[in-house]
Amino acid sequence: MKRLWYGLVFALMLWALPATAARSAAVKLKLPTEFTAQILVERPNNPSRTGTIFFSHGRIRTEMINPGAAHPLITVIRPGQGRVFILFPEDHAFALEPYTARDIAMALAMARGAKAIPEGNETVGADDCNKYQVLSKDPQIRSIELWVSKTSNLPAKLVVTDATTSESTLFLNAAAGRQPAMLFDPPPDYREVAPAAASAKAN
C-alpha cells in the first residue's frame, strides 16, 4: 500500500514539474514606461488596420484608421480605472465601453514589471528580438506573445489569442519618450453619449 502511495506522489510531482519550472523561469519585463509607435493590427478574416499607439504608465491610447470610416477611431484604455473611452473629436463627445479581456491583455503585456517566460530569439522584420510568453491569470486569454526589440527594448510585435480569435499588432518606428497626460482622458468639454450611438458612429 505504501509503495502505491509513494508511486502516486512521485507521479504527481513529475506532472507538476513543467508548470513549476515555467514559473521559476519567468522574468519581469522592464519596458520603457512611456512610448509611441505606428501600429498595424491584423485579425483573421478581417481587413488590416493601421494607426498610432501612445503608452504611458499602463495607460493606452490608439488612433486607428478603419477602412471606410470618415474619422479615426480613438480609444483610451485606463486599466487603473477599469475603463475604456471612445472619443469623437468631431462631435466633442465620448462613450464608455466595456473593459474587455483583450484590453487587459494589451495593458498587461506592455506594463513594466509584467511576468513573462523567455522563448528565445526571433526576428520581426529586420529587428532582432527577444520573444516572451506573458503570464496572465485571465481565463478568457489563451496566450499573450510579445516580441521586444533588443536594440530599443520596445515592443516590436504582440499577439493576443483568446477563445474566439487571435489579434496581431506590429509596432513600427517605436520611440520612447514622455507622452502628454491630456491624451489619456476625454477633454473636459466633451459630453458623454450612449455606447450604442458610439458603435454606430465607429462603424
Protein backbone atom coordinates (compact mmCIF):
# COMPACT_ATOMS: atom_id res chain seq x y z
CA MET A 1 0.00 0.00 0.00
CA LYS A 2 2.84 2.37 0.90
CA ARG A 3 4.56 1.65 -2.39
CA LEU A 4 1.37 2.55 -4.27
CA TRP A 5 1.03 5.79 -2.28
CA TYR A 6 4.65 6.79 -2.88
CA GLY A 7 4.21 5.97 -6.56
CA LEU A 8 1.19 8.25 -6.82
CA VAL A 9 3.01 11.10 -5.04
CA PHE A 10 6.01 10.71 -7.34
CA ALA A 11 3.77 10.74 -10.43
CA LEU A 12 2.06 13.93 -9.26
CA MET A 13 5.43 15.57 -8.69
CA LEU A 14 6.52 14.69 -12.21
CA TRP A 15 3.22 16.01 -13.65
CA ALA A 16 3.62 19.34 -11.83
CA LEU A 17 7.29 19.73 -12.72
CA PRO A 18 6.85 21.51 -16.10
CA ALA A 19 4.50 24.12 -14.61
CA THR A 20 6.81 24.70 -11.65
CA ALA A 21 9.80 25.06 -13.96
CA ALA A 22 7.90 27.53 -16.14
CA ARG A 23 7.01 29.69 -13.16
CA SER A 24 10.58 29.66 -11.87
CA ALA A 25 11.86 30.63 -15.34
CA ALA A 26 9.61 33.69 -15.51
CA VAL A 27 11.27 37.11 -15.62
CA LYS A 28 9.97 40.62 -15.04
CA LEU A 29 9.84 42.76 -18.17
CA LYS A 30 11.43 46.19 -17.99
CA LEU A 31 9.95 48.04 -20.94
CA PRO A 32 10.04 51.85 -21.06
CA THR A 33 7.14 53.36 -19.13
CA GLU A 34 6.25 55.77 -21.97
CA PHE A 35 6.48 55.41 -25.74
CA THR A 36 4.65 55.87 -29.03
CA ALA A 37 4.62 53.86 -32.28
CA GLN A 38 2.83 53.32 -35.56
CA ILE A 39 0.88 50.04 -35.48
CA LEU A 40 -0.51 47.52 -37.94
CA VAL A 41 -3.32 45.38 -36.50
CA GLU A 42 -4.43 42.13 -38.16
CA ARG A 43 -7.13 39.55 -37.37
CA PRO A 44 -8.14 36.50 -39.41
CA ASN A 45 -10.92 37.26 -41.93
CA ASN A 46 -10.78 41.00 -41.18
CA PRO A 47 -9.20 43.92 -43.06
CA SER A 48 -5.86 45.12 -41.74
CA ARG A 49 -5.95 48.39 -39.80
CA THR A 50 -3.23 50.97 -39.26
CA GLY A 51 -2.87 53.65 -36.64
CA THR A 52 -0.84 55.11 -33.79
CA ILE A 53 -0.43 53.96 -30.20
CA PHE A 54 0.55 56.11 -27.22
CA PHE A 55 1.56 54.40 -23.96
CA SER A 56 2.17 55.99 -20.57
CA HIS A 57 2.46 54.14 -17.25
CA GLY A 58 -0.10 51.48 -18.20
CA ARG A 59 -2.48 53.88 -19.97
CA ILE A 60 -3.04 53.29 -23.68
CA ARG A 61 -4.40 55.48 -26.47
CA THR A 62 -4.88 54.18 -30.00
CA GLU A 63 -5.92 56.20 -33.06
CA MET A 64 -6.96 53.68 -35.70
CA ILE A 65 -7.83 54.25 -39.34
CA ASN A 66 -10.69 51.88 -40.18
CA PRO A 67 -11.47 51.15 -43.85
CA GLY A 68 -14.43 53.23 -44.98
CA ALA A 69 -14.64 55.33 -41.79
CA ALA A 70 -14.75 59.10 -42.09
CA HIS A 71 -12.69 59.68 -38.94
CA PRO A 72 -10.05 57.75 -36.98
CA LEU A 73 -11.35 55.60 -34.12
CA ILE A 74 -9.75 56.95 -30.93
CA THR A 75 -9.73 54.59 -27.95
CA VAL A 76 -8.30 55.27 -24.48
CA ILE A 77 -7.73 52.31 -22.13
CA ARG A 78 -7.35 53.12 -18.42
CA PRO A 79 -6.54 49.83 -16.61
CA GLY A 80 -6.31 51.53 -13.21
CA GLN A 81 -9.91 52.70 -13.58
CA GLY A 82 -11.17 49.64 -15.48
CA ARG A 83 -12.45 52.00 -18.16
CA VAL A 84 -12.34 52.29 -21.93
CA PHE A 85 -13.22 55.59 -23.60
CA ILE A 86 -14.13 56.04 -27.27
CA LEU A 87 -13.50 59.66 -28.31
CA PHE A 88 -15.29 61.58 -31.07
CA PRO A 89 -13.45 64.90 -31.56
CA GLU A 90 -15.73 65.91 -34.46
CA ASP A 91 -18.70 65.88 -32.03
CA HIS A 92 -16.87 66.84 -28.84
CA ALA A 93 -18.20 63.59 -27.33
CA PHE A 94 -17.07 60.34 -25.72
CA ALA A 95 -18.57 56.98 -24.79
CA LEU A 96 -17.69 54.45 -22.11
CA GLU A 97 -17.19 50.92 -23.41
CA PRO A 98 -16.86 47.59 -21.53
CA TYR A 99 -13.33 46.74 -20.38
CA THR A 100 -12.56 43.53 -22.29
CA ALA A 101 -10.08 40.72 -21.74
CA ARG A 102 -8.23 41.87 -24.86
CA ASP A 103 -7.82 45.36 -23.37
CA ILE A 104 -6.45 43.79 -20.18
CA ALA A 105 -4.04 41.63 -22.17
CA MET A 106 -2.61 44.57 -24.12
CA ALA A 107 -2.15 46.65 -20.96
CA LEU A 108 -0.56 43.69 -19.14
CA ALA A 109 1.87 42.89 -21.95
CA MET A 110 3.32 46.41 -22.00
CA ALA A 111 3.28 47.06 -18.26
CA ARG A 112 6.67 47.47 -16.62
CA GLY A 113 7.23 44.52 -14.30
CA ALA A 114 4.91 42.12 -16.13
CA LYS A 115 5.92 38.48 -15.63
CA ALA A 116 6.87 36.56 -18.76
CA ILE A 117 8.64 33.39 -19.84
CA PRO A 118 11.53 33.89 -22.30
CA GLU A 119 11.09 31.88 -25.51
CA GLY A 120 14.32 32.63 -27.33
CA ASN A 121 15.26 34.98 -30.13
CA GLU A 122 13.27 35.77 -33.26
CA THR A 123 13.42 38.41 -35.98
CA VAL A 124 10.49 40.76 -36.59
CA GLY A 125 11.07 42.48 -39.90
CA ALA A 126 14.74 43.45 -39.68
CA ASP A 127 14.62 43.75 -35.89
CA ASP A 128 16.37 41.16 -33.71
CA CYS A 129 14.03 40.49 -30.79
CA ASN A 130 13.59 38.58 -27.55
CA LYS A 131 10.32 36.64 -27.56
CA TYR A 132 8.25 36.22 -24.38
CA GLN A 133 5.09 34.46 -23.27
CA VAL A 134 3.44 36.97 -20.93
CA LEU A 135 1.73 35.31 -17.98
CA SER A 136 -1.97 36.04 -17.46
CA LYS A 137 -4.50 34.67 -14.98
CA ASP A 138 -7.47 35.72 -17.11
CA PRO A 139 -9.31 32.53 -18.20
CA GLN A 140 -10.51 34.26 -21.37
CA ILE A 141 -6.95 34.73 -22.62
CA ARG A 142 -5.20 31.69 -24.07
CA SER A 143 -1.85 33.31 -24.77
CA ILE A 144 -0.03 36.64 -24.91
CA GLU A 145 3.08 36.57 -27.09
CA LEU A 146 5.38 39.59 -27.05
CA TRP A 147 8.47 40.33 -29.12
CA VAL A 148 10.79 43.01 -27.68
CA SER A 149 13.47 44.71 -29.75
CA LYS A 150 16.99 44.08 -28.48
CA THR A 151 18.05 47.46 -29.82
CA SER A 152 15.38 49.73 -28.34
CA ASN A 153 13.83 47.49 -25.62
CA LEU A 154 10.45 48.48 -27.07
CA PRO A 155 7.63 46.20 -28.29
CA ALA A 156 8.07 45.01 -31.88
CA LYS A 157 5.08 42.67 -32.07
CA LEU A 158 2.21 41.50 -29.86
CA VAL A 159 -0.13 38.54 -30.49
CA VAL A 160 -3.11 38.08 -28.17
CA THR A 161 -5.17 34.88 -28.52
CA ASP A 162 -8.48 34.33 -26.76
CA ALA A 163 -11.21 31.71 -27.09
CA THR A 164 -12.53 33.13 -30.37
CA THR A 165 -9.69 34.67 -32.35
CA SER A 166 -6.12 35.93 -32.47
CA GLU A 167 -5.03 39.53 -32.97
CA SER A 168 -1.56 40.57 -34.12
CA THR A 169 -0.16 44.06 -33.55
CA LEU A 170 3.04 45.11 -35.30
CA PHE A 171 4.87 48.13 -33.84
CA LEU A 172 6.72 50.36 -36.31
CA ASN A 173 9.02 53.34 -35.66
CA ALA A 174 8.59 52.94 -31.90
CA ALA A 175 10.18 55.68 -29.81
CA ALA A 176 10.46 56.04 -26.03
CA GLY A 177 9.57 59.40 -24.56
CA ARG A 178 7.15 61.31 -22.40
CA GLN A 179 3.52 61.37 -23.58
CA PRO A 180 1.16 64.29 -22.77
CA ALA A 181 -1.24 63.41 -19.93
CA MET A 182 -4.11 65.01 -21.87
CA LEU A 183 -4.02 62.12 -24.35
CA PHE A 184 -5.41 59.67 -21.80
CA ASP A 185 -8.63 61.37 -20.71
CA PRO A 186 -11.63 62.83 -22.53
CA PRO A 187 -11.29 66.62 -22.78
CA PRO A 188 -13.37 68.37 -20.10
CA ASP A 189 -15.73 69.94 -22.66
CA TYR A 190 -16.72 66.56 -24.19
CA ARG A 191 -20.22 65.24 -23.49
CA GLU A 192 -20.94 61.58 -22.83
CA VAL A 193 -23.00 59.63 -25.38
CA ALA A 194 -24.52 56.14 -25.18
CA PRO A 195 -22.32 53.19 -26.23
CA ALA A 196 -24.86 52.16 -28.91
CA ALA A 197 -24.59 55.57 -30.56
CA ALA A 198 -20.81 55.36 -30.33
CA SER A 199 -20.75 51.96 -32.03
CA ALA A 200 -22.91 53.24 -34.87
CA LYS A 201 -20.55 56.16 -35.44
CA ALA A 202 -17.43 53.99 -35.23
CA ASN A 203 -18.78 51.72 -37.95
